[in-house]
C-alpha cells in the first residue's frame, strides 16, 4: 500500500497596488484628473547525539510557516492612509453591499483564450472588482478565439457578477470564435474601426468536429449557455446560432444577412446597423464605434473615475507555468517527504520536498486561487503533524489528521472560486479536476517508489526507504535478524533510526516510545525488512 507523508510548507506573499500619478491621455480637465492605476504582484543525514538538530530543523520550518501567516492577522494600513500615500481613493472593504466605489477595471483579453488567461487575468480581475465593489469592468479584447471550455467559464463568471457592476467589451481588432461568446455576455459592446466579431464554430485542435450526435451534443450545450447569457443582456440569441452553425440563416426582415453555409461575422459597420422601428429601434450588436479605450471611457462617462489597468506580471507568468506543471510539483514534494519520513533525522529529501510544495502553493497564491482558508487549513495540518513527530511516540490519529488536513488544503488551493458566488459553493468541475491532479500526483509518487524498488535496489536512497542494511564487513543481514536479538541504538529512534546488532548497522523502528541514541534495544518484531525494537535494560 502506498504511504504518503506530507510535511509543512510556508508561504511568502507580497502584493501591491501601484498608482501612476498621471491623467489618462486626452481626458484631463482642470481639477479633475483621471488617474490610471496598475496592479502588480510584486546529502548526509544529521547524526546529533540527542537528535537536537533534526528537531530544531523541523521546528524552524513550523515557525517560518506560522510567521508567514502572521501578517495576515495584524492590522493593515488604513484605507485613508493608503489613499493619501498613493493618491488613489479606493477604500477596500468600506463600501456597503449594493453600492459601488466608482472604480473601473480594464481587463485585457488578448491572444488565445485558454486556462491561463481565465485563471491569471479574467478570474483574478473580476474577483478584485467584486471585492472593491467596482462600478464597471471593461474587457479590452483582441483574440482569434481559443478553448470553448475557458470561454464558457468566463461567461459563467460574468453571469455570477453582482448586477451593480456594469460590463463592457471593447473589440480592438478581433473578437472571433470564443471571444464573441464572451463579448455577448457583457452589457455593452464597442468596436474600433475595422474590427470584427463572430465566426464561432466549434472545432477540434486538428480540424472540424465530425458530423453526428457528438457534434450536435457539443453545439447544443454551448449554444444553450451562450444564448441564455446573450439574451439576458438584450442581444438576439439568433445571432449566436448564426455565428456557431453554418446551416443557420440570419435575416433582418426580407434581407438575408448571413446565408446558409456561412458563419456570421460582423464588422464594426454591420454590427452598428439599426434594427427595429420607432422606440424599439436598436443597434444589431455594437453600441458604438470608438477609436480607443480613452474614447470609450469618455463616451461612457467613466473618464473621471479611478481606472485600474490589469496586466500580467512576471510572477503571474511564472505562476502560470507552475500551475501547468502542478502534478509534477506535487509528486516531487510528496516523494521527497516520503523519503524523509522513512529515514532518520531531517535532511536533503525533506527540504527539497518542502521547497517543491512551497513553489506549488506560491504559484496558486499568486494566481488568486489559494487564500487564507487554505493556508490556515494547511497550517493546522502542519502543526498536527509536527506534534505527532516531535512529541507523541509512534504515529497515530493526530498525524493522520494532520496529513488529511494538508492534502485537503492542497486540493482546495487548486479550486477556482467564482467571483460573486457564495464562498461555500465550490465549482464542481474545478473540484473534480483538483482531486484528479492530487490523485495523479500520488500515482506518480507511487511510480517513483516502484522504480526505485525495481531498478535501484542497491542505491543508498532505496536502502533507507526499505530499511535495508548499510553493509558492514562481517555484519548481520536483515534476514538474520531475529526476535530477542539485542543491540544499541546508533541514532535517536523517533520512531525510525539505526541500530547496531552484532557489529551490523540495521534500520529499525521504535515501538511505543522514542529511544535516545546509545540506549540498549531488543528486536521485538520483524516484518520482512521492517524491524521493530523496544528499549531494554539488558544490553
Foldseek 3Di string as FASTA:
>chain_A
DDDFAAFAFAAAFAWDKAWDPDADPPQDDVPQGATEIETDGDFDFDFDQFQPVQLVVRVVRLVRRVVNCVVVVDDDDAQVVVCVVRVANQHFPPDDPPDADLEEEEFEAEEAQDPLCLQQTQQVRLQVCLRRRHQEYEYEYDYQYYDLVSLLVSLVLLVLRPPNYAYEYEQEAEQEASSLLNRLLGQAYEYAANHKYFQHEDADPVGRDDDDDVRVVVVVVSLVSSLVSNVVSPAHSLLVVLRHAQQRWDAAVPGTPHHRRDRDMDGNVQQQDWHDDDPPIGGNHHRYYDNDPCVVCVVVVSSSGHYYYYDQDPLSVVLSVCLVCVLVLLLQLRLLVLLQVLAPGGDDSNVRSNVSVNSNLNSLVSSVQADPVLSVLLSCLNVLLSCQLPPFADHDDSNVSSRVSNLVSQLSSQFRDRRNDDPVDTDPVSSVVSVVSNVSSSVVNVVVLVCCVPPVCPDPSNCSNLFFWDDDVPADGLVRADFFFKWFFQHWPSFWYWTGTPNTITIAGEPRDIDGGGFMWTFHDDDPSYTYIYGDPPD
